[in-house]
């Protein structure tokens, strides 16, 4: 199948659409996708299943099938990757003492999205009571509430700066993978004052180990990994590569390597 990128340009960073055009046929309308392998960039939501069905009718398919996207977006990845990431409880069992006997601190978020820019009010919770109150506020948010709420053990990370609302800018990296092939890596916190850090080899080795498991469940995905205060590398999140922002990833590297891989694979 010929690869094509279905791009929702207004959600992308400046210049990303033009860079993508250097390596892929890049379109903005799904009606231009026929008999293609479709890589959505910011173009798959909110109706992933419907988009996949429409493309199937014209002989095309998304690079992540609906079940692959659900594995990521519904936080189903936690079951297979729990040894690499902070302990997590879901809304339906959080207040049951036999499920969560830990009393904090917590990170509270939707299964996919968070209110990280309101860190000290809508994401970080000192204890179980505050976590429950934040969860109630998030449930009232029409975008996050429908995702379902997750409660994660707060693990202190190596921190470089503190931003607005106490948001910590940490030693955290965003890595794009096609299965277990690393496509690009960039510092996660593109809004920090300093962003030109070099990605540590240890971070890449750790993420590649995680990707060797994730590749059985998804094709094009992002791993966000970070270093803890005590020197360990942990998995922060898994995201669909189609919907993930660049952070400080070089778009030329991402799209060039992705084009090489998909042209050789499909």
Protein backbone atom coordinates (compact mmCIF):
# COMPACT_ATOMS: atom_id res chain seq x y z
CA UNK A 1 0.00 0.00 0.00
CA UNK A 2 1.23 3.47 -0.81
CA UNK A 3 1.68 5.56 2.35
CA UNK A 4 -0.03 8.93 2.65
CA UNK A 5 -0.23 11.34 5.57
CA UNK A 6 -3.68 12.68 6.38
CA UNK A 7 -2.83 15.97 8.08
CA UNK A 8 -4.96 18.35 10.17
CA UNK A 9 -2.73 21.35 9.66
CA UNK A 10 -4.18 23.80 12.17
CA UNK A 11 -3.24 21.51 15.08
CA UNK A 12 0.39 21.10 14.02
CA UNK A 13 3.42 23.11 14.98
CA UNK A 14 4.63 25.81 12.60
CA UNK A 15 6.36 24.30 9.60
CA UNK A 16 5.57 20.66 10.38
CA UNK A 17 3.12 20.30 7.49
CA UNK A 18 5.71 21.59 5.02
CA UNK A 19 8.38 19.26 6.40
CA UNK A 20 6.05 16.29 6.09
CA UNK A 21 5.48 17.11 2.41
CA UNK A 22 9.19 16.53 1.77
CA UNK A 23 8.86 12.86 2.65
CA UNK A 24 5.22 11.84 2.08
CA UNK A 25 2.26 12.59 -0.10
CA UNK A 26 0.41 14.80 2.37
CA UNK A 27 -3.33 15.52 2.12
CA UNK A 28 -5.92 17.28 4.24
CA UNK A 29 -9.04 15.45 3.04
CA UNK A 30 -9.85 11.80 3.67
CA UNK A 31 -11.54 11.69 0.27
CA UNK A 32 -8.04 11.84 -1.25
CA UNK A 33 -7.03 8.59 0.47
CA UNK A 34 -7.72 5.56 -1.72
CA UNK A 35 -5.82 2.28 -1.57
CA UNK A 36 -3.39 3.87 0.88
CA UNK A 37 -1.71 3.19 4.17
CA UNK A 38 -2.92 6.30 6.01
CA UNK A 39 -0.81 7.93 8.71
CA UNK A 40 -3.01 10.42 10.50
CA UNK A 41 -1.31 13.48 11.92
CA UNK A 42 -3.67 15.17 14.35
CA UNK A 43 -6.48 13.97 12.04
CA UNK A 44 -7.85 10.81 13.68
CA UNK A 45 -9.91 12.12 16.56
CA UNK A 46 -12.53 12.40 17.87
CA UNK A 47 -14.04 9.64 15.71
CA UNK A 48 -11.26 7.09 15.22
CA UNK A 49 -13.50 4.10 14.49
CA UNK A 50 -15.57 6.02 11.98
CA UNK A 51 -12.47 7.26 10.17
CA UNK A 52 -11.08 3.73 10.03
CA UNK A 53 -14.39 2.43 8.63
CA UNK A 54 -14.58 5.19 5.99
CA UNK A 55 -11.02 4.45 4.85
CA UNK A 56 -11.72 0.72 4.70
CA UNK A 57 -14.56 1.41 2.23
CA UNK A 58 -12.03 2.84 -0.24
CA UNK A 59 -9.36 0.18 0.25
CA UNK A 60 -7.27 2.10 2.78
CA UNK A 61 -6.31 1.55 6.42
CA UNK A 62 -4.81 3.55 9.26
CA UNK A 63 -1.29 2.67 10.36
CA UNK A 64 -2.75 1.87 13.80
CA UNK A 65 -5.84 -0.31 13.52
CA UNK A 66 -8.71 0.63 15.86
CA UNK A 67 -7.76 -2.06 18.36
CA UNK A 68 -4.19 -0.76 18.42
CA UNK A 69 -5.41 2.78 19.05
CA UNK A 70 -7.68 1.54 21.86
CA UNK A 71 -4.78 -0.31 23.49
CA UNK A 72 -3.05 3.04 23.80
CA UNK A 73 -5.90 5.49 24.35
CA UNK A 74 -7.80 3.39 26.90
CA UNK A 75 -4.68 2.90 29.04
CA UNK A 76 -4.82 -0.84 28.31
CA UNK A 77 -1.05 -0.71 27.91
CA UNK A 78 -0.72 -0.54 31.69
CA UNK A 79 -1.35 -4.27 32.16
CA UNK A 80 1.63 -5.21 29.99
CA UNK A 81 3.96 -2.40 31.02
CA UNK A 82 3.20 -1.98 34.74
CA UNK A 83 6.73 -3.06 35.68
CA UNK A 84 8.12 0.01 33.90
CA UNK A 85 5.73 2.71 35.06
CA UNK A 86 4.25 4.16 38.28
CA UNK A 87 1.45 2.25 39.99
CA UNK A 88 -1.94 3.19 38.60
CA UNK A 89 -5.53 2.87 39.81
CA UNK A 90 -8.64 3.48 37.77
CA UNK A 91 -11.73 5.40 38.75
CA UNK A 92 -13.86 2.37 39.47
CA UNK A 93 -11.50 0.90 42.10
CA UNK A 94 -9.62 3.87 43.51
CA UNK A 95 -11.70 4.29 46.65
CA UNK A 96 -11.77 0.59 47.49
CA UNK A 97 -9.25 -0.02 50.27
CA UNK A 98 -8.41 -3.49 49.00
CA UNK A 99 -7.45 -1.99 45.62
CA UNK A 100 -5.61 1.18 46.66
CA UNK A 101 -4.09 1.21 50.13
CA UNK A 102 -1.66 3.96 49.15
CA UNK A 103 -2.58 7.44 50.36
CA UNK A 104 -0.49 9.67 48.13
CA UNK A 105 0.79 11.76 46.63
CA UNK A 106 -0.89 11.15 43.26
CA UNK A 107 -1.03 12.37 39.69
CA UNK A 108 -4.65 12.53 38.49
CA UNK A 109 -5.53 12.67 34.79
CA UNK A 110 -7.71 11.34 32.01
CA UNK A 111 -6.74 8.11 30.29
CA UNK A 112 -5.25 10.16 27.45
CA UNK A 113 -5.18 13.82 28.42
CA UNK A 114 -4.44 15.88 31.52
CA UNK A 115 -4.61 19.41 32.89
CA UNK A 116 -0.84 19.53 33.34
CA UNK A 117 -0.69 23.30 32.89
CA UNK A 118 -2.79 23.55 36.06
CA UNK A 119 -0.42 21.15 37.81
CA UNK A 120 -0.90 22.20 41.43
CA UNK A 121 -4.69 22.51 41.15
CA UNK A 122 -5.90 19.94 38.62
CA UNK A 123 -3.22 17.24 38.41
CA UNK A 124 -1.03 16.87 41.52
CA UNK A 125 -2.74 15.66 44.68
CA UNK A 126 -1.13 15.39 48.12
CA UNK A 127 -3.45 12.63 49.34
CA UNK A 128 -6.41 10.46 48.47
CA UNK A 129 -9.02 13.06 49.45
CA UNK A 130 -7.51 15.75 47.24
CA UNK A 131 -7.12 13.21 44.42
CA UNK A 132 -10.81 12.37 44.67
CA UNK A 133 -11.75 16.07 44.56
CA UNK A 134 -9.58 16.67 41.50
CA UNK A 135 -11.12 13.62 39.83
CA UNK A 136 -14.60 15.08 40.38
CA UNK A 137 -13.52 18.33 38.72
CA UNK A 138 -11.98 16.44 35.79
CA UNK A 139 -15.14 14.40 35.35
CA UNK A 140 -17.01 17.68 34.78
CA UNK A 141 -14.68 18.48 31.88
CA UNK A 142 -16.46 17.25 28.73
CA UNK A 143 -13.16 16.37 27.00
CA UNK A 144 -11.39 14.55 29.84
CA UNK A 145 -14.42 13.22 31.68
CA UNK A 146 -15.49 10.90 28.89
CA UNK A 147 -12.01 9.30 28.82
CA UNK A 148 -12.27 8.01 32.37
CA UNK A 149 -9.97 9.04 35.22
CA UNK A 150 -6.71 7.39 36.27
CA UNK A 151 -4.87 7.89 39.54
CA UNK A 152 -1.10 7.39 39.37
CA UNK A 153 1.47 7.16 42.12
CA UNK A 154 3.49 10.37 42.08
CA UNK A 155 7.17 9.55 41.58
CA UNK A 156 9.53 12.54 42.00
CA UNK A 157 11.53 13.13 38.82
CA UNK A 158 14.84 14.83 38.22
CA UNK A 159 13.71 18.43 37.72
CA UNK A 160 15.46 21.23 35.81
CA UNK A 161 12.97 24.09 36.17
CA UNK A 162 9.63 24.93 37.78
CA UNK A 163 7.03 26.56 35.57
CA UNK A 164 3.72 28.31 36.12
CA UNK A 165 1.41 26.66 38.67
CA UNK A 166 4.34 24.66 40.01
CA UNK A 167 4.66 22.54 36.85
CA UNK A 168 7.99 20.67 36.99
CA UNK A 169 10.09 20.61 33.82
CA UNK A 170 11.85 17.31 34.24
CA UNK A 171 14.45 15.08 32.61
CA UNK A 172 11.78 13.67 30.28
CA UNK A 173 11.98 12.54 26.66
CA UNK A 174 9.47 11.88 23.90
CA UNK A 175 10.39 9.08 21.50
CA UNK A 176 8.54 8.07 18.35
CA UNK A 177 8.64 4.37 17.43
CA UNK A 178 7.51 2.25 14.52
CA UNK A 179 7.19 -1.01 16.41
CA UNK A 180 10.62 -1.30 18.06
CA UNK A 181 12.45 0.97 15.62
CA UNK A 182 13.27 4.36 17.13
CA UNK A 183 12.37 7.11 14.64
CA UNK A 184 13.28 10.23 16.63
CA UNK A 185 13.81 11.50 20.14
CA UNK A 186 13.36 14.96 21.66
CA UNK A 187 13.20 16.70 25.00
CA UNK A 188 9.61 16.62 26.18
CA UNK A 189 9.25 20.08 27.69
CA UNK A 190 9.38 22.37 24.67
CA UNK A 191 7.92 25.22 26.77
CA UNK A 192 10.85 25.23 29.20
CA UNK A 193 13.41 28.03 29.11
CA UNK A 194 16.17 25.57 28.21
CA UNK A 195 15.40 22.73 25.81
CA UNK A 196 18.68 21.90 24.06
CA UNK A 197 19.57 18.89 26.18
CA UNK A 198 21.19 15.79 24.67
CA UNK A 199 19.10 12.65 24.93
CA UNK A 200 20.89 10.24 27.30
CA UNK A 201 21.78 6.84 25.81
CA UNK A 202 20.28 5.25 28.92
CA UNK A 203 16.91 6.79 28.09
CA UNK A 204 17.01 5.37 24.57
CA UNK A 205 18.03 1.92 25.83
CA UNK A 206 15.20 1.92 28.37
CA UNK A 207 12.58 3.07 25.84
CA UNK A 208 13.72 0.49 23.30
CA UNK A 209 13.28 -2.25 25.90
CA UNK A 210 9.71 -1.06 26.50
CA UNK A 211 9.06 -0.80 22.75
CA UNK A 212 9.95 -4.47 22.28
CA UNK A 213 6.85 -5.26 24.35
CA UNK A 214 4.60 -2.51 22.98
CA UNK A 215 5.28 -3.49 19.35
CA UNK A 216 3.04 -6.54 19.77
CA UNK A 217 0.08 -4.27 20.47
CA UNK A 218 0.61 -1.11 18.41
CA UNK A 219 2.51 -0.05 15.30
CA UNK A 220 3.18 3.69 15.48
CA UNK A 221 3.46 5.02 19.02
CA UNK A 222 5.21 7.42 21.34
CA UNK A 223 6.92 6.58 24.60
CA UNK A 224 7.49 9.36 27.12
CA UNK A 225 10.22 8.34 29.55
CA UNK A 226 11.80 10.20 32.46
CA UNK A 227 14.54 9.90 35.06
CA UNK A 228 13.53 9.75 38.71
CA UNK A 229 15.22 11.63 41.51
CA UNK A 230 16.87 8.40 42.61
CA UNK A 231 18.32 7.73 39.15
CA UNK A 232 15.90 5.21 37.62
CA UNK A 233 14.29 5.51 34.18
CA UNK A 234 10.52 5.04 34.11
CA UNK A 235 7.76 5.09 31.53
CA UNK A 236 5.47 8.10 31.93
CA UNK A 237 3.01 7.43 29.14
CA UNK A 238 2.27 5.68 25.85
CA UNK A 239 0.56 7.72 23.13
CA UNK A 240 -0.59 7.14 19.56
CA UNK A 241 2.13 8.46 17.27
CA UNK A 242 -0.51 9.89 14.97
CA UNK A 243 -1.88 12.28 17.59
CA UNK A 244 1.29 13.13 19.53
CA UNK A 245 2.89 16.55 19.31
CA UNK A 246 6.55 16.81 18.39
CA UNK A 247 7.85 18.28 21.66
CA UNK A 248 11.52 18.86 20.69
CA UNK A 249 11.66 16.07 18.09
CA UNK A 250 13.22 17.14 14.81
CA UNK A 251 10.42 16.81 12.22
CA UNK A 252 12.87 16.09 9.40
CA UNK A 253 14.30 13.16 11.34
CA UNK A 254 10.85 11.86 12.29
CA UNK A 255 9.31 11.98 8.84
CA UNK A 256 12.44 10.84 7.00
CA UNK A 257 12.86 7.78 9.21
CA UNK A 258 9.13 7.01 9.21
CA UNK A 259 9.09 7.17 5.39
CA UNK A 260 12.07 4.80 5.19
CA UNK A 261 10.42 2.29 7.49
CA UNK A 262 6.93 2.28 5.98
CA UNK A 263 8.20 2.18 2.39
CA UNK A 264 10.26 -0.88 3.28
CA UNK A 265 7.48 -2.57 5.28
CA UNK A 266 4.19 -2.11 3.45
